[in-house]
Protein backbone atom coordinates (compact mmCIF):
# COMPACT_ATOMS: atom_id res chain seq x y z
CA MET A 1 0.15 -0.32 0.31
CA ASN A 2 1.94 3.12 -0.63
CA ILE A 3 1.08 6.73 0.55
CA HIS A 4 -1.31 7.65 -0.64
CA GLU A 5 -3.62 4.92 -0.36
CA THR A 6 -2.95 4.72 3.27
CA ILE A 7 -3.49 8.09 3.75
CA HIS A 8 -6.65 7.79 1.80
CA ASN A 9 -8.65 5.51 4.21
CA GLN A 10 -7.21 7.10 7.57
CA LEU A 11 -9.18 9.73 6.00
CA VAL A 12 -11.96 7.62 4.82
CA ALA A 13 -12.08 6.03 8.69
CA ALA A 14 -12.24 9.16 10.12
CA ILE A 15 -14.74 10.59 8.61
CA ALA A 16 -16.21 7.76 9.60
CA GLY A 17 -15.90 7.51 13.54
CA LEU A 18 -16.56 11.74 12.84
CA SER A 19 -20.64 11.10 11.19
CA ARG A 20 -21.15 8.07 13.53
CA ALA A 21 -20.13 9.90 16.54
CA ARG A 22 -22.47 13.21 14.67
CA ASP A 23 -25.91 10.93 14.78
CA SER A 24 -25.17 9.58 17.96
CA LEU A 25 -24.96 13.59 19.39
CA VAL A 26 -28.20 14.16 17.36
CA SER A 27 -29.88 10.80 18.52
CA MET A 28 -29.76 12.18 21.65
CA LYS A 29 -32.41 12.58 23.86
CA PRO A 30 -31.86 15.62 25.83
CA ASP A 31 -31.61 14.19 30.07
CA GLU A 32 -29.50 10.73 27.84
CA THR A 33 -26.05 10.26 27.78
CA GLN A 34 -23.71 8.22 26.32
CA THR A 35 -20.61 11.22 26.86
CA GLN A 36 -17.56 7.69 26.90
CA GLU A 37 -19.24 6.30 24.08
CA ILE A 38 -19.13 9.65 21.64
CA GLY A 39 -15.64 10.32 23.07
CA ARG A 40 -14.37 7.29 21.90
CA GLN A 41 -15.45 8.35 18.43
CA ILE A 42 -13.65 11.28 18.61
CA GLU A 43 -11.06 10.83 20.04
CA SER A 44 -10.34 7.67 17.37
CA ALA A 45 -11.33 10.41 14.66
CA ALA A 46 -8.49 12.25 15.97
CA PHE A 47 -5.99 9.57 16.00
CA TYR A 48 -7.24 9.14 12.60
CA LEU A 49 -6.79 12.72 11.94
CA GLU A 50 -3.47 12.96 13.76
CA ASP A 51 -1.72 10.16 11.30
CA ILE A 52 -2.50 11.88 8.50
CA GLN A 53 -0.83 15.18 9.72
CA TYR A 54 2.13 12.92 10.20
CA ASN A 55 1.33 11.19 6.89
CA TRP A 56 1.30 14.03 5.00
CA ALA A 57 4.44 16.05 6.39
CA SER A 58 6.61 13.09 4.78
CA LEU A 59 4.36 13.56 2.16
CA GLU A 60 5.45 16.50 1.47
CA ARG A 61 9.04 16.39 2.55
CA SER A 62 10.13 13.36 -0.13
CA ARG A 63 8.73 15.77 -2.52
CA ALA A 64 10.74 18.42 -1.27
CA VAL A 65 13.84 15.97 -1.64
CA ARG A 66 13.51 15.48 -5.06
CA PRO A 67 13.59 17.18 -7.46
CA ALA A 68 10.48 17.68 -9.59
CA PHE A 69 11.53 17.10 -12.87
CA THR A 70 12.79 12.99 -11.80
CA LYS A 71 11.38 10.15 -11.44
CA PRO A 72 10.70 8.11 -9.28
CA THR A 73 12.80 4.96 -9.83
CA SER A 74 9.89 2.49 -10.01
CA GLU A 75 9.00 5.12 -13.04
CA ALA A 76 12.41 5.38 -14.24
CA LEU A 77 12.45 1.11 -15.17
């Protein structure tokens, strides 16, 4: 799996976690407390977003090191 696929999968997972948290909040009754479950969903999404930031920064660094006119090794073969 390449970095683009990894970032894509992490984005999908983060969005899914945030969507579940949103749905839980919308369906929650005023006196109901599902805060632990919603907190876990938001925390999970936050971890994915941190990973995405790290992977994106790694991707940017690798592009900055390689001159724009140079093909990646896999394409040069």
